[in-house]
Amino acid sequence: MENRGPIIAAALILLGFGVVGFLMPRLMLWVGDISTLAAALLAATFVAAFFLVFWFRARSQRRKEK
């Protein structure tokens, strides 16, 4: 395997999101004590960030191929 960089990057991204996803219920309860809307925004931001990270990564990879 000569090109391990993308595999390692994807694994680290998934691991990071896995840890945050595991802690998300606790984070939402903590933020929900302050504001229910803030807890909803936290969850929406987490979901959007998951897709945005891979979208930006794919976009970057396409730019490198050109």
PDB file of N, CA and C in Angstrom:
ATOM      1  N   MET A   1       0.833  -1.185   0.000  1.00  0.00           N
ATOM      2  CA  MET A   1       0.000   0.000   0.000  1.00  0.00           C
ATOM      3  C   MET A   1       0.871   1.238   0.000  1.00  0.00           C
ATOM      4  N   GLU A   2       0.883   1.910  -1.095  1.00  0.00           N
ATOM      5  CA  GLU A   2       1.755   3.076  -1.179  1.00  0.00           C
ATOM      6  C   GLU A   2       1.047   4.383  -0.835  1.00  0.00           C
ATOM      7  N   ASN A   3      -0.278   4.374  -0.799  1.00  0.00           N
ATOM      8  CA  ASN A   3      -1.028   5.606  -0.572  1.00  0.00           C
ATOM      9  C   ASN A   3      -1.910   5.478   0.666  1.00  0.00           C
ATOM     10  N   ARG A   4      -1.311   5.480   1.845  1.00  0.00           N
ATOM     11  CA  ARG A   4      -2.059   5.288   3.082  1.00  0.00           C
ATOM     12  C   ARG A   4      -2.647   6.573   3.635  1.00  0.00           C
ATOM     13  N   GLY A   5      -2.219   7.720   3.151  1.00  0.00           N
ATOM     14  CA  GLY A   5      -2.679   9.006   3.679  1.00  0.00           C
ATOM     15  C   GLY A   5      -4.187   9.160   3.717  1.00  0.00           C
ATOM     16  N   PRO A   6      -4.878   8.917   2.598  1.00  0.00           N
ATOM     17  CA  PRO A   6      -6.335   9.065   2.613  1.00  0.00           C
ATOM     18  C   PRO A   6      -7.027   8.088   3.560  1.00  0.00           C
ATOM     19  N   ILE A   7      -6.479   6.895   3.672  1.00  0.00           N
ATOM     20  CA  ILE A   7      -7.076   5.893   4.559  1.00  0.00           C
ATOM     21  C   ILE A   7      -6.930   6.333   6.009  1.00  0.00           C
ATOM     22  N   ILE A   8      -5.751   6.818   6.354  1.00  0.00           N
ATOM     23  CA  ILE A   8      -5.513   7.276   7.722  1.00  0.00           C
ATOM     24  C   ILE A   8      -6.369   8.500   8.033  1.00  0.00           C
ATOM     25  N   ALA A   9      -6.466   9.425   7.090  1.00  0.00           N
ATOM     26  CA  ALA A   9      -7.283  10.631   7.293  1.00  0.00           C
ATOM     27  C   ALA A   9      -8.751  10.262   7.494  1.00  0.00           C
ATOM     28  N   ALA A  10      -9.278   9.379   6.670  1.00  0.00           N
ATOM     29  CA  ALA A  10     -10.678   8.967   6.807  1.00  0.00           C
ATOM     30  C   ALA A  10     -10.910   8.251   8.130  1.00  0.00           C
ATOM     31  N   ALA A  11      -9.968   7.409   8.533  1.00  0.00           N
ATOM     32  CA  ALA A  11     -10.105   6.697   9.807  1.00  0.00           C
ATOM     33  C   ALA A  11     -10.106   7.670  10.982  1.00  0.00           C
ATOM     34  N   LEU A  12      -9.237   8.673  10.944  1.00  0.00           N
ATOM     35  CA  LEU A  12      -9.194   9.660  12.028  1.00  0.00           C
ATOM     36  C   LEU A  12     -10.466  10.507  12.071  1.00  0.00           C
ATOM     37  N   ILE A  13     -10.963  10.869  10.901  1.00  0.00           N
ATOM     38  CA  ILE A  13     -12.204  11.643  10.842  1.00  0.00           C
ATOM     39  C   ILE A  13     -13.358  10.827  11.409  1.00  0.00           C
ATOM     40  N   LEU A  14     -13.469   9.580  10.984  1.00  0.00           N
ATOM     41  CA  LEU A  14     -14.547   8.727  11.488  1.00  0.00           C
ATOM     42  C   LEU A  14     -14.410   8.475  12.986  1.00  0.00           C
ATOM     43  N   LEU A  15     -13.194   8.291  13.460  1.00  0.00           N
ATOM     44  CA  LEU A  15     -12.968   8.086  14.887  1.00  0.00           C
ATOM     45  C   LEU A  15     -13.377   9.335  15.675  1.00  0.00           C
ATOM     46  N   GLY A  16     -12.973  10.501  15.183  1.00  0.00           N
ATOM     47  CA  GLY A  16     -13.351  11.746  15.846  1.00  0.00           C
ATOM     48  C   GLY A  16     -14.857  11.937  15.909  1.00  0.00           C
ATOM     49  N   PHE A  17     -15.523  11.705  14.792  1.00  0.00           N
ATOM     50  CA  PHE A  17     -16.971  11.848  14.779  1.00  0.00           C
ATOM     51  C   PHE A  17     -17.645  10.755  15.604  1.00  0.00           C
ATOM     52  N   GLY A  18     -17.025   9.585  15.665  1.00  0.00           N
ATOM     53  CA  GLY A  18     -17.574   8.518  16.505  1.00  0.00           C
ATOM     54  C   GLY A  18     -17.541   8.882  17.977  1.00  0.00           C
ATOM     55  N   VAL A  19     -16.442   9.464  18.410  1.00  0.00           N
ATOM     56  CA  VAL A  19     -16.318   9.878  19.817  1.00  0.00           C
ATOM     57  C   VAL A  19     -17.321  10.983  20.131  1.00  0.00           C
ATOM     58  N   VAL A  20     -17.402  11.976  19.255  1.00  0.00           N
ATOM     59  CA  VAL A  20     -18.353  13.077  19.483  1.00  0.00           C
ATOM     60  C   VAL A  20     -19.790  12.548  19.418  1.00  0.00           C
ATOM     61  N   GLY A  21     -20.064  11.633  18.494  1.00  0.00           N
ATOM     62  CA  GLY A  21     -21.399  11.039  18.400  1.00  0.00           C
ATOM     63  C   GLY A  21     -21.750  10.243  19.645  1.00  0.00           C
ATOM     64  N   PHE A  22     -20.757   9.581  20.217  1.00  0.00           N
ATOM     65  CA  PHE A  22     -20.977   8.825  21.457  1.00  0.00           C
ATOM     66  C   PHE A  22     -21.301   9.774  22.618  1.00  0.00           C
ATOM     67  N   LEU A  23     -20.653  10.918  22.630  1.00  0.00           N
ATOM     68  CA  LEU A  23     -20.865  11.905  23.696  1.00  0.00           C
ATOM     69  C   LEU A  23     -22.026  12.859  23.421  1.00  0.00           C
ATOM     70  N   MET A  24     -22.597  12.789  22.221  1.00  0.00           N
ATOM     71  CA  MET A  24     -23.632  13.741  21.820  1.00  0.00           C
ATOM     72  C   MET A  24     -24.840  13.772  22.760  1.00  0.00           C
ATOM     73  N   PRO A  25     -25.381  12.647  23.218  1.00  0.00           N
ATOM     74  CA  PRO A  25     -26.529  12.749  24.137  1.00  0.00           C
ATOM     75  C   PRO A  25     -26.189  13.536  25.410  1.00  0.00           C
ATOM     76  N   ARG A  26     -25.027  13.286  25.965  1.00  0.00           N
ATOM     77  CA  ARG A  26     -24.613  13.999  27.176  1.00  0.00           C
ATOM     78  C   ARG A  26     -24.418  15.495  26.884  1.00  0.00           C
ATOM     79  N   LEU A  27     -23.813  15.796  25.723  1.00  0.00           N
ATOM     80  CA  LEU A  27     -23.617  17.195  25.337  1.00  0.00           C
ATOM     81  C   LEU A  27     -24.959  17.904  25.130  1.00  0.00           C
ATOM     82  N   MET A  28     -25.890  17.206  24.490  1.00  0.00           N
ATOM     83  CA  MET A  28     -27.196  17.824  24.237  1.00  0.00           C
ATOM     84  C   MET A  28     -27.955  18.084  25.538  1.00  0.00           C
ATOM     85  N   LEU A  29     -27.856  17.161  26.503  1.00  0.00           N
ATOM     86  CA  LEU A  29     -28.510  17.400  27.788  1.00  0.00           C
ATOM     87  C   LEU A  29     -27.880  18.585  28.512  1.00  0.00           C
ATOM     88  N   TRP A  30     -26.557  18.672  28.430  1.00  0.00           N
ATOM     89  CA  TRP A  30     -25.847  19.775  29.089  1.00  0.00           C
ATOM     90  C   TRP A  30     -26.216  21.111  28.448  1.00  0.00           C
ATOM     91  N   VAL A  31     -26.187  21.157  27.124  1.00  0.00           N
ATOM     92  CA  VAL A  31     -26.543  22.396  26.416  1.00  0.00           C
ATOM     93  C   VAL A  31     -28.040  22.653  26.525  1.00  0.00           C
ATOM     94  N   GLY A  32     -28.846  21.592  26.590  1.00  0.00           N
ATOM     95  CA  GLY A  32     -30.294  21.744  26.712  1.00  0.00           C
ATOM     96  C   GLY A  32     -30.718  22.396  28.006  1.00  0.00           C
ATOM     97  N   ASP A  33     -29.885  22.294  29.044  1.00  0.00           N
ATOM     98  CA  ASP A  33     -30.185  23.002  30.291  1.00  0.00           C
ATOM     99  C   ASP A  33     -30.133  24.511  30.086  1.00  0.00           C
ATOM    100  N   ILE A  34     -29.320  24.952  29.147  1.00  0.00           N
ATOM    101  CA  ILE A  34     -29.209  26.375  28.844  1.00  0.00           C
ATOM    102  C   ILE A  34     -30.326  26.791  27.886  1.00  0.00           C
ATOM    103  N   SER A  35     -30.444  26.035  26.775  1.00  0.00           N
ATOM    104  CA  SER A  35     -31.443  26.379  25.765  1.00  0.00           C
ATOM    105  C   SER A  35     -31.757  25.147  24.919  1.00  0.00           C
ATOM    106  N   THR A  36     -33.031  24.886  24.737  1.00  0.00           N
ATOM    107  CA  THR A  36     -33.445  23.761  23.897  1.00  0.00           C
ATOM    108  C   THR A  36     -33.058  24.007  22.444  1.00  0.00           C
ATOM    109  N   LEU A  37     -33.186  25.250  22.018  1.00  0.00           N
ATOM    110  CA  LEU A  37     -32.812  25.604  20.650  1.00  0.00           C
ATOM    111  C   LEU A  37     -31.315  25.386  20.425  1.00  0.00           C
ATOM    112  N   ALA A  38     -30.501  25.728  21.410  1.00  0.00           N
ATOM    113  CA  ALA A  38     -29.052  25.537  21.288  1.00  0.00           C
ATOM    114  C   ALA A  38     -28.711  24.046  21.185  1.00  0.00           C
ATOM    115  N   ALA A  39     -29.436  23.212  21.914  1.00  0.00           N
ATOM    116  CA  ALA A  39     -29.199  21.765  21.833  1.00  0.00           C
ATOM    117  C   ALA A  39     -29.559  21.247  20.441  1.00  0.00           C
ATOM    118  N   ALA A  40     -30.654  21.729  19.878  1.00  0.00           N
ATOM    119  CA  ALA A  40     -31.048  21.324  18.522  1.00  0.00           C
ATOM    120  C   ALA A  40     -30.024  21.792  17.503  1.00  0.00           C
ATOM    121  N   LEU A  41     -29.532  23.017  17.674  1.00  0.00           N
ATOM    122  CA  LEU A  41     -28.510  23.539  16.758  1.00  0.00           C
ATOM    123  C   LEU A  41     -27.207  22.745  16.871  1.00  0.00           C
ATOM    124  N   LEU A  42     -26.872  22.313  18.069  1.00  0.00           N
ATOM    125  CA  LEU A  42     -25.681  21.489  18.267  1.00  0.00           C
ATOM    126  C   LEU A  42     -25.796  20.179  17.486  1.00  0.00           C
ATOM    127  N   ALA A  43     -26.938  19.523  17.591  1.00  0.00           N
ATOM    128  CA  ALA A  43     -27.145  18.269  16.860  1.00  0.00           C
ATOM    129  C   ALA A  43     -27.126  18.494  15.353  1.00  0.00           C
ATOM    130  N   ALA A  44     -27.773  19.549  14.887  1.00  0.00           N
ATOM    131  CA  ALA A  44     -27.804  19.844  13.452  1.00  0.00           C
ATOM    132  C   ALA A  44     -26.408  20.176  12.936  1.00  0.00           C
ATOM    133  N   THR A  45     -25.635  20.899  13.734  1.00  0.00           N
ATOM    134  CA  THR A  45     -24.263  21.241  13.350  1.00  0.00           C
ATOM    135  C   THR A  45     -23.403  19.993  13.255  1.00  0.00           C
ATOM    136  N   PHE A  46     -23.593  19.071  14.185  1.00  0.00           N
ATOM    137  CA  PHE A  46     -22.832  17.819  14.159  1.00  0.00           C
ATOM    138  C   PHE A  46     -23.117  17.030  12.884  1.00  0.00           C
ATOM    139  N   VAL A  47     -24.376  16.895  12.531  1.00  0.00           N
ATOM    140  CA  VAL A  47     -24.749  16.143  11.324  1.00  0.00           C
ATOM    141  C   VAL A  47     -24.222  16.842  10.075  1.00  0.00           C
ATOM    142  N   ALA A  48     -24.386  18.166  10.017  1.00  0.00           N
ATOM    143  CA  ALA A  48     -23.905  18.917   8.854  1.00  0.00           C
ATOM    144  C   ALA A  48     -22.384  18.840   8.739  1.00  0.00           C
ATOM    145  N   ALA A  49     -21.692  18.921   9.864  1.00  0.00           N
ATOM    146  CA  ALA A  49     -20.224  18.874   9.854  1.00  0.00           C
ATOM    147  C   ALA A  49     -19.727  17.532   9.328  1.00  0.00           C
ATOM    148  N   PHE A  50     -20.421  16.448   9.673  1.00  0.00           N
ATOM    149  CA  PHE A  50     -20.022  15.127   9.200  1.00  0.00           C
ATOM    150  C   PHE A  50     -19.990  15.085   7.677  1.00  0.00           C
ATOM    151  N   PHE A  51     -21.036  15.591   7.058  1.00  0.00           N
ATOM    152  CA  PHE A  51     -21.094  15.573   5.602  1.00  0.00           C
ATOM    153  C   PHE A  51     -20.166  16.615   4.980  1.00  0.00           C
ATOM    154  N   LEU A  52     -20.072  17.771   5.604  1.00  0.00           N
ATOM    155  CA  LEU A  52     -19.224  18.828   5.057  1.00  0.00           C
ATOM    156  C   LEU A  52     -17.749  18.444   5.046  1.00  0.00           C
ATOM    157  N   VAL A  53     -17.288  17.750   6.069  1.00  0.00           N
ATOM    158  CA  VAL A  53     -15.878  17.344   6.111  1.00  0.00           C
ATOM    159  C   VAL A  53     -15.553  16.455   4.915  1.00  0.00           C
ATOM    160  N   PHE A  54     -16.396  15.479   4.654  1.00  0.00           N
ATOM    161  CA  PHE A  54     -16.122  14.580   3.528  1.00  0.00           C
ATOM    162  C   PHE A  54     -16.344  15.277   2.186  1.00  0.00           C
ATOM    163  N   TRP A  55     -17.284  16.210   2.122  1.00  0.00           N
ATOM    164  CA  TRP A  55     -17.494  16.960   0.889  1.00  0.00           C
ATOM    165  C   TRP A  55     -16.272  17.819   0.578  1.00  0.00           C
ATOM    166  N   PHE A  56     -15.748  18.541   1.590  1.00  0.00           N
ATOM    167  CA  PHE A  56     -14.538  19.354   1.385  1.00  0.00           C
ATOM    168  C   PHE A  56     -13.342  18.487   1.031  1.00  0.00           C
ATOM    169  N   ARG A  57     -13.241  17.321   1.650  1.00  0.00           N
ATOM    170  CA  ARG A  57     -12.123  16.418   1.362  1.00  0.00           C
ATOM    171  C   ARG A  57     -12.192  15.918  -0.083  1.00  0.00           C
ATOM    172  N   ALA A  58     -13.377  15.528  -0.517  1.00  0.00           N
ATOM    173  CA  ALA A  58     -13.539  15.067  -1.900  1.00  0.00           C
ATOM    174  C   ALA A  58     -13.250  16.193  -2.883  1.00  0.00           C
ATOM    175  N   ARG A  59     -13.693  17.383  -2.549  1.00  0.00           N
ATOM    176  CA  ARG A  59     -13.435  18.535  -3.412  1.00  0.00           C
ATOM    177  C   ARG A  59     -11.935  18.813  -3.511  1.00  0.00           C
ATOM    178  N   SER A  60     -11.256  18.694  -2.392  1.00  0.00           N
ATOM    179  CA  SER A  60      -9.802  18.893  -2.375  1.00  0.00           C
ATOM    180  C   SER A  60      -9.087  17.822  -3.202  1.00  0.00           C
ATOM    181  N   GLN A  61      -9.539  16.606  -3.090  1.00  0.00           N
ATOM    182  CA  GLN A  61      -8.929  15.515  -3.847  1.00  0.00           C
ATOM    183  C   GLN A  61      -9.141  15.701  -5.337  1.00  0.00           C
ATOM    184  N   ARG A  62     -10.322  16.146  -5.728  1.00  0.00           N
ATOM    185  CA  ARG A  62     -10.580  16.390  -7.163  1.00  0.00           C
ATOM    186  C   ARG A  62      -9.675  17.489  -7.694  1.00  0.00           C
ATOM    187  N   ARG A  63      -9.431  18.525  -6.882  1.00  0.00           N
ATOM    188  CA  ARG A  63      -8.564  19.612  -7.295  1.00  0.00           C
ATOM    189  C   ARG A  63      -7.132  19.130  -7.474  1.00  0.00           C
ATOM    190  N   LYS A  64      -6.708  18.215  -6.630  1.00  0.00           N
ATOM    191  CA  LYS A  64      -5.331  17.690  -6.731  1.00  0.00           C
ATOM    192  C   LYS A  64      -5.149  16.834  -7.977  1.00  0.00           C
ATOM    193  N   GLU A  65      -6.207  16.165  -8.423  1.00  0.00           N
ATOM    194  CA  GLU A  65      -6.119  15.288  -9.598  1.00  0.00           C
ATOM    195  C   GLU A  65      -5.977  16.067 -10.896  1.00  0.00           C
ATOM    196  N   LYS A  66      -6.469  17.297 -10.913  1.00  0.00           N
ATOM    197  CA  LYS A  66      -6.455  18.087 -12.160  1.00  0.00           C
ATOM    198  C   LYS A  66      -5.093  18.591 -12.483  1.00  0.00           C
TER     199      LYS A  66
END
